[in-house]
């Protein structure tokens, strides 16, 4: 008896040159993950760097993964560290799309990407061949080939050092995407919170243009629909539209204003 493994729709979207739109669920709720999937988003971002469950806690992660699988939506999991062990752990739990925070060098990127593959750059990868949830506990058909084909490991570019090393980072084989992080870039460049500062804008544009030139998909944050449309037109393929708490804030504030003015 074997179990079929689904196609990674997010990877397919990027491969096709299309744009994927998603939301950040910063409540880390399986119910909301399931609901967002019903609404038809392309991905749900779970940011384990700044909050959420401990990625070592398999039970909480599995509940979030099951909710996504229930509504056939992709999870995009940002890990709290660049440790390759975290990459292997998340993938073995069943995540297909992971990315690293605060990378600085190509060497740490290469180690993480290799950790997510069984075969890598004409040699062996560093992913372990056990029978975890991702393998359907040993029932998955063609597990090695499918996982190597469908897994995405990306990075966040959000430090001045990463910008300096960008060419080498973009040259890492099988790099899935680069996520432009303007907020932490503003801190690293000495202008915390000033995402419109010329130095920050220039750094973002450097990442965008060099990634596109290198053939690496670009991901990022959308600050309103005009910004989303502009970024999609300029080559961004993966865009976060907002967050659970942001949507609630906007809606509840509008309710309160309408109620109090009536």
C-alpha atoms as a PDB file:
ATOM      1  CA  UNK A   1       0.000   0.000   0.000  1.00  0.00           C
ATOM      2  CA  UNK A   2       1.360   3.426  -0.961  1.00  0.00           C
ATOM      3  CA  UNK A   3       0.239   7.012  -0.458  1.00  0.00           C
ATOM      4  CA  UNK A   4       0.376   9.608  -3.202  1.00  0.00           C
ATOM      5  CA  UNK A   5       2.128  12.903  -2.509  1.00  0.00           C
ATOM      6  CA  UNK A   6       0.531  16.157  -3.664  1.00  0.00           C
ATOM      7  CA  UNK A   7       2.165  18.676  -5.942  1.00  0.00           C
ATOM      8  CA  UNK A   8       3.533  21.785  -4.232  1.00  0.00           C
ATOM      9  CA  UNK A   9       1.234  24.432  -5.714  1.00  0.00           C
ATOM     10  CA  UNK A  10       3.438  27.276  -4.499  1.00  0.00           C
ATOM     11  CA  UNK A  11       6.497  25.844  -6.238  1.00  0.00           C
ATOM     12  CA  UNK A  12       4.430  25.278  -9.377  1.00  0.00           C
ATOM     13  CA  UNK A  13       3.272  28.899  -9.344  1.00  0.00           C
ATOM     14  CA  UNK A  14       6.838  30.165  -9.099  1.00  0.00           C
ATOM     15  CA  UNK A  15       8.043  27.789 -11.814  1.00  0.00           C
ATOM     16  CA  UNK A  16       5.300  29.049 -14.118  1.00  0.00           C
ATOM     17  CA  UNK A  17       6.366  32.649 -13.574  1.00  0.00           C
ATOM     18  CA  UNK A  18       3.062  33.533 -11.927  1.00  0.00           C
ATOM     19  CA  UNK A  19       2.378  35.440  -8.689  1.00  0.00           C
ATOM     20  CA  UNK A  20       1.216  33.855  -5.427  1.00  0.00           C
ATOM     21  CA  UNK A  21      -0.690  35.891  -2.833  1.00  0.00           C
ATOM     22  CA  UNK A  22      -0.905  34.997   0.834  1.00  0.00           C
ATOM     23  CA  UNK A  23      -1.485  36.173   4.379  1.00  0.00           C
ATOM     24  CA  UNK A  24       0.472  36.025   7.602  1.00  0.00           C
ATOM     25  CA  UNK A  25      -1.456  34.183  10.301  1.00  0.00           C
ATOM     26  CA  UNK A  26       0.130  35.680  13.391  1.00  0.00           C
ATOM     27  CA  UNK A  27      -2.365  33.939  15.678  1.00  0.00           C
ATOM     28  CA  UNK A  28      -0.985  30.512  14.675  1.00  0.00           C
ATOM     29  CA  UNK A  29      -4.495  29.068  14.728  1.00  0.00           C
ATOM     30  CA  UNK A  30      -5.310  25.832  12.879  1.00  0.00           C
ATOM     31  CA  UNK A  31      -8.887  27.074  12.573  1.00  0.00           C
ATOM     32  CA  UNK A  32      -7.776  30.260  10.820  1.00  0.00           C
ATOM     33  CA  UNK A  33      -5.300  28.392   8.644  1.00  0.00           C
ATOM     34  CA  UNK A  34      -8.174  26.202   7.520  1.00  0.00           C
ATOM     35  CA  UNK A  35     -10.440  29.233   7.020  1.00  0.00           C
ATOM     36  CA  UNK A  36      -7.874  31.161   4.986  1.00  0.00           C
ATOM     37  CA  UNK A  37      -7.537  28.091   2.807  1.00  0.00           C
ATOM     38  CA  UNK A  38     -11.299  28.098   2.240  1.00  0.00           C
ATOM     39  CA  UNK A  39     -11.048  31.763   1.213  1.00  0.00           C
ATOM     40  CA  UNK A  40      -8.650  30.809  -1.566  1.00  0.00           C
ATOM     41  CA  UNK A  41      -5.294  32.342  -0.651  1.00  0.00           C
ATOM     42  CA  UNK A  42      -2.270  30.784  -2.335  1.00  0.00           C
ATOM     43  CA  UNK A  43      -0.241  30.450   0.856  1.00  0.00           C
ATOM     44  CA  UNK A  44      -0.333  31.109   4.586  1.00  0.00           C
ATOM     45  CA  UNK A  45       2.813  32.472   6.160  1.00  0.00           C
ATOM     46  CA  UNK A  46       3.733  31.151   9.592  1.00  0.00           C
ATOM     47  CA  UNK A  47       6.537  33.246  11.048  1.00  0.00           C
ATOM     48  CA  UNK A  48       8.314  31.187  13.699  1.00  0.00           C
ATOM     49  CA  UNK A  49      11.106  33.753  13.977  1.00  0.00           C
ATOM     50  CA  UNK A  50       9.034  36.389  15.741  1.00  0.00           C
ATOM     51  CA  UNK A  51       6.392  34.257  17.433  1.00  0.00           C
ATOM     52  CA  UNK A  52       4.332  31.124  17.229  1.00  0.00           C
ATOM     53  CA  UNK A  53       5.002  27.597  18.395  1.00  0.00           C
ATOM     54  CA  UNK A  54       8.425  26.171  18.982  1.00  0.00           C
ATOM     55  CA  UNK A  55       9.339  24.366  15.720  1.00  0.00           C
ATOM     56  CA  UNK A  56      10.598  21.485  17.838  1.00  0.00           C
ATOM     57  CA  UNK A  57       7.015  20.966  19.076  1.00  0.00           C
ATOM     58  CA  UNK A  58       5.799  18.467  16.500  1.00  0.00           C
ATOM     59  CA  UNK A  59       2.223  18.329  17.783  1.00  0.00           C
ATOM     60  CA  UNK A  60       1.499  22.040  17.303  1.00  0.00           C
ATOM     61  CA  UNK A  61       3.143  22.100  13.884  1.00  0.00           C
ATOM     62  CA  UNK A  62       1.260  19.001  12.772  1.00  0.00           C
ATOM     63  CA  UNK A  63      -2.067  20.607  13.722  1.00  0.00           C
ATOM     64  CA  UNK A  64      -1.252  23.631  11.552  1.00  0.00           C
ATOM     65  CA  UNK A  65      -0.134  21.396   8.688  1.00  0.00           C
ATOM     66  CA  UNK A  66      -3.277  19.278   8.901  1.00  0.00           C
ATOM     67  CA  UNK A  67      -5.422  22.417   8.726  1.00  0.00           C
ATOM     68  CA  UNK A  68      -3.604  23.521   5.581  1.00  0.00           C
ATOM     69  CA  UNK A  69      -3.879  20.091   4.009  1.00  0.00           C
ATOM     70  CA  UNK A  70      -7.620  20.045   4.761  1.00  0.00           C
ATOM     71  CA  UNK A  71      -8.176  23.058   2.494  1.00  0.00           C
ATOM     72  CA  UNK A  72      -5.330  22.363   0.040  1.00  0.00           C
ATOM     73  CA  UNK A  73      -3.371  25.517   0.802  1.00  0.00           C
ATOM     74  CA  UNK A  74       0.398  25.827   1.090  1.00  0.00           C
ATOM     75  CA  UNK A  75       2.126  26.837   4.311  1.00  0.00           C
ATOM     76  CA  UNK A  76       5.161  29.103   4.079  1.00  0.00           C
ATOM     77  CA  UNK A  77       7.181  28.549   7.237  1.00  0.00           C
ATOM     78  CA  UNK A  78       9.896  30.970   8.307  1.00  0.00           C
ATOM     79  CA  UNK A  79      12.201  29.210  10.714  1.00  0.00           C
ATOM     80  CA  UNK A  80      13.640  30.978  13.779  1.00  0.00           C
ATOM     81  CA  UNK A  81      17.263  30.257  12.870  1.00  0.00           C
ATOM     82  CA  UNK A  82      19.490  29.123   9.997  1.00  0.00           C
ATOM     83  CA  UNK A  83      20.363  25.835  11.722  1.00  0.00           C
ATOM     84  CA  UNK A  84      20.112  23.066   9.066  1.00  0.00           C
ATOM     85  CA  UNK A  85      18.602  20.771  11.698  1.00  0.00           C
ATOM     86  CA  UNK A  86      15.537  23.027  11.798  1.00  0.00           C
ATOM     87  CA  UNK A  87      15.150  22.683   8.032  1.00  0.00           C
ATOM     88  CA  UNK A  88      15.157  18.904   8.255  1.00  0.00           C
ATOM     89  CA  UNK A  89      12.744  18.921  11.198  1.00  0.00           C
ATOM     90  CA  UNK A  90      10.183  21.165   9.490  1.00  0.00           C
ATOM     91  CA  UNK A  91      10.314  19.215   6.251  1.00  0.00           C
ATOM     92  CA  UNK A  92      10.016  15.846   7.984  1.00  0.00           C
ATOM     93  CA  UNK A  93       6.876  17.118   9.740  1.00  0.00           C
ATOM     94  CA  UNK A  94       5.362  17.744   6.311  1.00  0.00           C
ATOM     95  CA  UNK A  95       6.158  21.364   5.447  1.00  0.00           C
ATOM     96  CA  UNK A  96       7.197  21.867   1.851  1.00  0.00           C
ATOM     97  CA  UNK A  97       8.082  25.584   1.865  1.00  0.00           C
ATOM     98  CA  UNK A  98      10.533  26.907   4.449  1.00  0.00           C
ATOM     99  CA  UNK A  99      12.792  29.920   4.583  1.00  0.00           C
ATOM    100  CA  UNK A 100      15.542  31.238   6.780  1.00  0.00           C
ATOM    101  CA  UNK A 101      15.780  34.522   8.687  1.00  0.00           C
ATOM    102  CA  UNK A 102      18.739  36.892   8.790  1.00  0.00           C
ATOM    103  CA  UNK A 103      21.122  35.016   6.524  1.00  0.00           C
ATOM    104  CA  UNK A 104      24.504  36.631   5.945  1.00  0.00           C
ATOM    105  CA  UNK A 105      26.601  34.278   3.829  1.00  0.00           C
ATOM    106  CA  UNK A 106      26.301  31.845   0.975  1.00  0.00           C
ATOM    107  CA  UNK A 107      27.845  29.106   3.109  1.00  0.00           C
ATOM    108  CA  UNK A 108      24.997  29.108   5.635  1.00  0.00           C
ATOM    109  CA  UNK A 109      22.454  29.232   2.809  1.00  0.00           C
ATOM    110  CA  UNK A 110      24.117  26.312   1.028  1.00  0.00           C
ATOM    111  CA  UNK A 111      24.137  24.256   4.245  1.00  0.00           C
ATOM    112  CA  UNK A 112      20.438  24.874   4.795  1.00  0.00           C
ATOM    113  CA  UNK A 113      19.418  24.127   1.206  1.00  0.00           C
ATOM    114  CA  UNK A 114      21.509  20.954   1.209  1.00  0.00           C
ATOM    115  CA  UNK A 115      19.811  19.924   4.464  1.00  0.00           C
ATOM    116  CA  UNK A 116      16.498  19.976   2.613  1.00  0.00           C
ATOM    117  CA  UNK A 117      17.518  17.649  -0.186  1.00  0.00           C
ATOM    118  CA  UNK A 118      18.442  14.002  -0.628  1.00  0.00           C
ATOM    119  CA  UNK A 119      20.502  14.750  -3.721  1.00  0.00           C
ATOM    120  CA  UNK A 120      22.264  18.081  -4.047  1.00  0.00           C
ATOM    121  CA  UNK A 121      24.503  19.743  -6.618  1.00  0.00           C
ATOM    122  CA  UNK A 122      25.562  16.438  -8.227  1.00  0.00           C
ATOM    123  CA  UNK A 123      26.262  14.907  -4.822  1.00  0.00           C
ATOM    124  CA  UNK A 124      24.514  13.705  -1.694  1.00  0.00           C
ATOM    125  CA  UNK A 125      22.209  15.974   0.244  1.00  0.00           C
ATOM    126  CA  UNK A 126      21.948  16.076   4.016  1.00  0.00           C
ATOM    127  CA  UNK A 127      18.272  15.272   4.498  1.00  0.00           C
ATOM    128  CA  UNK A 128      17.650  12.185   6.587  1.00  0.00           C
ATOM    129  CA  UNK A 129      15.841   9.211   5.099  1.00  0.00           C
ATOM    130  CA  UNK A 130      13.564   8.186   7.950  1.00  0.00           C
ATOM    131  CA  UNK A 131       9.845   7.463   7.906  1.00  0.00           C
ATOM    132  CA  UNK A 132       8.360  10.653   9.381  1.00  0.00           C
ATOM    133  CA  UNK A 133       5.032  12.298   8.707  1.00  0.00           C
ATOM    134  CA  UNK A 134       6.287  13.725   5.395  1.00  0.00           C
ATOM    135  CA  UNK A 135       6.834  10.167   4.186  1.00  0.00           C
ATOM    136  CA  UNK A 136       3.387   9.148   5.413  1.00  0.00           C
ATOM    137  CA  UNK A 137       5.199   6.945   7.913  1.00  0.00           C
ATOM    138  CA  UNK A 138       6.806   4.884   5.166  1.00  0.00           C
ATOM    139  CA  UNK A 139       3.799   4.711   2.817  1.00  0.00           C
ATOM    140  CA  UNK A 140       4.695   7.564   0.434  1.00  0.00           C
ATOM    141  CA  UNK A 141       5.343   6.596  -3.165  1.00  0.00           C
ATOM    142  CA  UNK A 142       8.659   7.745  -4.720  1.00  0.00           C
ATOM    143  CA  UNK A 143       9.389   9.795  -1.603  1.00  0.00           C
ATOM    144  CA  UNK A 144      12.964  10.844  -2.416  1.00  0.00           C
ATOM    145  CA  UNK A 145      12.284  12.005  -5.966  1.00  0.00           C
ATOM    146  CA  UNK A 146       9.037  13.776  -5.090  1.00  0.00           C
ATOM    147  CA  UNK A 147      10.449  15.588  -2.056  1.00  0.00           C
ATOM    148  CA  UNK A 148      13.512  16.805  -3.942  1.00  0.00           C
ATOM    149  CA  UNK A 149      11.265  18.065  -6.735  1.00  0.00           C
ATOM    150  CA  UNK A 150       8.593  19.704  -4.580  1.00  0.00           C
ATOM    151  CA  UNK A 151      10.525  21.250  -1.671  1.00  0.00           C
ATOM    152  CA  UNK A 152      11.366  24.956  -1.554  1.00  0.00           C
ATOM    153  CA  UNK A 153      14.039  26.373   0.747  1.00  0.00           C
ATOM    154  CA  UNK A 154      14.316  30.143   0.612  1.00  0.00           C
ATOM    155  CA  UNK A 155      16.059  32.920   2.522  1.00  0.00           C
ATOM    156  CA  UNK A 156      15.252  36.345   3.916  1.00  0.00           C
ATOM    157  CA  UNK A 157      17.601  39.113   2.805  1.00  0.00           C
ATOM    158  CA  UNK A 158      17.419  41.614   5.646  1.00  0.00           C
ATOM    159  CA  UNK A 159      20.959  42.547   6.694  1.00  0.00           C
ATOM    160  CA  UNK A 160      23.630  44.785   5.239  1.00  0.00           C
ATOM    161  CA  UNK A 161      26.033  41.827   5.205  1.00  0.00           C
ATOM    162  CA  UNK A 162      23.589  39.785   3.143  1.00  0.00           C
ATOM    163  CA  UNK A 163      23.397  42.607   0.593  1.00  0.00           C
ATOM    164  CA  UNK A 164      27.198  42.646   0.385  1.00  0.00           C
ATOM    165  CA  UNK A 165      27.208  38.868  -0.210  1.00  0.00           C
ATOM    166  CA  UNK A 166      24.118  38.818  -2.413  1.00  0.00           C
ATOM    167  CA  UNK A 167      25.744  37.586  -5.614  1.00  0.00           C
ATOM    168  CA  UNK A 168      27.168  34.553  -3.833  1.00  0.00           C
ATOM    169  CA  UNK A 169      23.872  33.859  -2.046  1.00  0.00           C
ATOM    170  CA  UNK A 170      21.928  33.970  -5.312  1.00  0.00           C
ATOM    171  CA  UNK A 171      24.389  31.517  -6.872  1.00  0.00           C
ATOM    172  CA  UNK A 172      23.613  28.788  -4.310  1.00  0.00           C
ATOM    173  CA  UNK A 173      22.195  25.803  -6.235  1.00  0.00           C
ATOM    174  CA  UNK A 174      18.480  25.034  -5.710  1.00  0.00           C
ATOM    175  CA  UNK A 175      17.785  28.242  -3.793  1.00  0.00           C
ATOM    176  CA  UNK A 176      13.985  28.426  -3.870  1.00  0.00           C
ATOM    177  CA  UNK A 177      13.426  32.170  -3.476  1.00  0.00           C
ATOM    178  CA  UNK A 178      14.637  35.317  -1.717  1.00  0.00           C
ATOM    179  CA  UNK A 179      12.300  37.181   0.609  1.00  0.00           C
ATOM    180  CA  UNK A 180      13.079  40.894   0.838  1.00  0.00           C
ATOM    181  CA  UNK A 181      12.827  42.092   4.457  1.00  0.00           C
ATOM    182  CA  UNK A 182      12.611  45.907   4.478  1.00  0.00           C
ATOM    183  CA  UNK A 183      11.888  46.261   8.200  1.00  0.00           C
ATOM    184  CA  UNK A 184      15.012  44.501   9.430  1.00  0.00           C
ATOM    185  CA  UNK A 185      16.979  45.978   6.536  1.00  0.00           C
ATOM    186  CA  UNK A 186      16.071  49.411   7.881  1.00  0.00           C
ATOM    187  CA  UNK A 187      17.504  48.408  11.257  1.00  0.00           C
ATOM    188  CA  UNK A 188      20.668  46.914   9.790  1.00  0.00           C
ATOM    189  CA  UNK A 189      21.284  50.005   7.653  1.00  0.00           C
ATOM    190  CA  UNK A 190      20.854  52.325  10.614  1.00  0.00           C
ATOM    191  CA  UNK A 191      17.371  53.697   9.898  1.00  0.00           C
ATOM    192  CA  UNK A 192      15.045  51.568  12.046  1.00  0.00           C
ATOM    193  CA  UNK A 193      11.460  51.732  10.844  1.00  0.00           C
ATOM    194  CA  UNK A 194      12.241  54.111   7.972  1.00  0.00           C
ATOM    195  CA  UNK A 195      11.393  51.711   5.152  1.00  0.00           C
ATOM    196  CA  UNK A 196      11.069  54.636   2.712  1.00  0.00           C
ATOM    197  CA  UNK A 197      14.597  55.867   3.432  1.00  0.00           C
ATOM    198  CA  UNK A 198      16.602  56.027   0.187  1.00  0.00           C
ATOM    199  CA  UNK A 199      19.216  53.583   1.492  1.00  0.00           C
ATOM    200  CA  UNK A 200      16.560  51.009   2.358  1.00  0.00           C
ATOM    201  CA  UNK A 201      14.738  51.475  -0.943  1.00  0.00           C
ATOM    202  CA  UNK A 202      18.032  51.107  -2.799  1.00  0.00           C
ATOM    203  CA  UNK A 203      18.835  47.887  -0.921  1.00  0.00           C
ATOM    204  CA  UNK A 204      15.413  46.447  -1.741  1.00  0.00           C
ATOM    205  CA  UNK A 205      15.867  47.302  -5.399  1.00  0.00           C
ATOM    206  CA  UNK A 206      19.321  45.689  -5.398  1.00  0.00           C
ATOM    207  CA  UNK A 207      17.826  42.435  -4.116  1.00  0.00           C
ATOM    208  CA  UNK A 208      14.920  42.542  -6.550  1.00  0.00           C
ATOM    209  CA  UNK A 209      16.952  43.290  -9.659  1.00  0.00           C
ATOM    210  CA  UNK A 210      19.819  40.917  -8.919  1.00  0.00           C
ATOM    211  CA  UNK A 211      17.478  38.062  -7.990  1.00  0.00           C
ATOM    212  CA  UNK A 212      15.502  38.438 -11.193  1.00  0.00           C
ATOM    213  CA  UNK A 213      18.732  38.575 -13.184  1.00  0.00           C
ATOM    214  CA  UNK A 214      19.897  35.379 -11.442  1.00  0.00           C
ATOM    215  CA  UNK A 215      16.576  33.632 -12.095  1.00  0.00           C
ATOM    216  CA  UNK A 216      15.676  33.367  -8.396  1.00  0.00           C
ATOM    217  CA  UNK A 217      12.038  34.173  -7.498  1.00  0.00           C
ATOM    218  CA  UNK A 218      11.502  37.272  -5.369  1.00  0.00           C
ATOM    219  CA  UNK A 219       9.144  37.383  -2.380  1.00  0.00           C
ATOM    220  CA  UNK A 220       8.110  40.262  -0.191  1.00  0.00           C
ATOM    221  CA  UNK A 221       5.587  42.279   1.770  1.00  0.00           C
ATOM    222  CA  UNK A 222       2.720  44.197   0.240  1.00  0.00           C
ATOM    223  CA  UNK A 223       1.933  47.537   1.915  1.00  0.00           C
ATOM    224  CA  UNK A 224      -1.528  48.138   0.464  1.00  0.00           C
ATOM    225  CA  UNK A 225      -2.976  47.067  -2.867  1.00  0.00           C
ATOM    226  CA  UNK A 226      -1.207  49.752  -4.902  1.00  0.00           C
ATOM    227  CA  UNK A 227       2.126  48.509  -3.574  1.00  0.00           C
ATOM    228  CA  UNK A 228       1.126  44.895  -4.252  1.00  0.00           C
ATOM    229  CA  UNK A 229       0.207  45.720  -7.851  1.00  0.00           C
ATOM    230  CA  UNK A 230       3.457  47.636  -8.389  1.00  0.00           C
ATOM    231  CA  UNK A 231       5.585  44.846  -6.956  1.00  0.00           C
ATOM    232  CA  UNK A 232       3.798  42.177  -8.986  1.00  0.00           C
ATOM    233  CA  UNK A 233       4.386  44.250 -12.121  1.00  0.00           C
ATOM    234  CA  UNK A 234       8.070  44.581 -11.188  1.00  0.00           C
ATOM    235  CA  UNK A 235       8.745  40.864 -10.904  1.00  0.00           C
ATOM    236  CA  UNK A 236       7.787  39.866  -7.364  1.00  0.00           C
ATOM    237  CA  UNK A 237       6.262  36.395  -7.497  1.00  0.00           C
ATOM    238  CA  UNK A 238       5.325  35.826  -3.881  1.00  0.00           C
ATOM    239  CA  UNK A 239       3.551  38.596  -1.996  1.00  0.00           C
ATOM    240  CA  UNK A 240       2.125  38.751   1.500  1.00  0.00           C
ATOM    241  CA  UNK A 241      -1.035  40.871   1.549  1.00  0.00           C
ATOM    242  CA  UNK A 242      -1.393  41.362   5.287  1.00  0.00           C
ATOM    243  CA  UNK A 243      -1.934  39.606   8.585  1.00  0.00           C
ATOM    244  CA  UNK A 244      -4.741  38.151  10.649  1.00  0.00           C
ATOM    245  CA  UNK A 245      -4.439  40.842  13.306  1.00  0.00           C
ATOM    246  CA  UNK A 246      -4.140  43.555  10.652  1.00  0.00           C
ATOM    247  CA  UNK A 247      -7.377  42.411   9.011  1.00  0.00           C
ATOM    248  CA  UNK A 248      -9.127  42.280  12.369  1.00  0.00           C
ATOM    249  CA  UNK A 249      -7.855  45.721  13.326  1.00  0.00           C
ATOM    250  CA  UNK A 250      -9.130  47.248  10.096  1.00  0.00           C
ATOM    251  CA  UNK A 251     -12.528  45.570  10.274  1.00  0.00           C
ATOM    252  CA  UNK A 252     -13.213  46.109  13.970  1.00  0.00           C
ATOM    253  CA  UNK A 253     -12.037  49.731  13.806  1.00  0.00           C
ATOM    254  CA  UNK A 254     -14.445  50.365  10.933  1.00  0.00           C
ATOM    255  CA  UNK A 255     -17.259  48.707  12.876  1.00  0.00           C
ATOM    256  CA  UNK A 256     -16.581  50.819  15.949  1.00  0.00           C
ATOM    257  CA  UNK A 257     -16.317  54.063  13.992  1.00  0.00           C
ATOM    258  CA  UNK A 258     -19.593  53.329  12.207  1.00  0.00           C
ATOM    259  CA  UNK A 259     -21.361  52.346  15.424  1.00  0.00           C
ATOM    260  CA  UNK A 260     -20.161  55.372  17.383  1.00  0.00           C
ATOM    261  CA  UNK A 261     -21.015  57.827  14.625  1.00  0.00           C
ATOM    262  CA  UNK A 262     -24.555  56.530  14.126  1.00  0.00           C
END
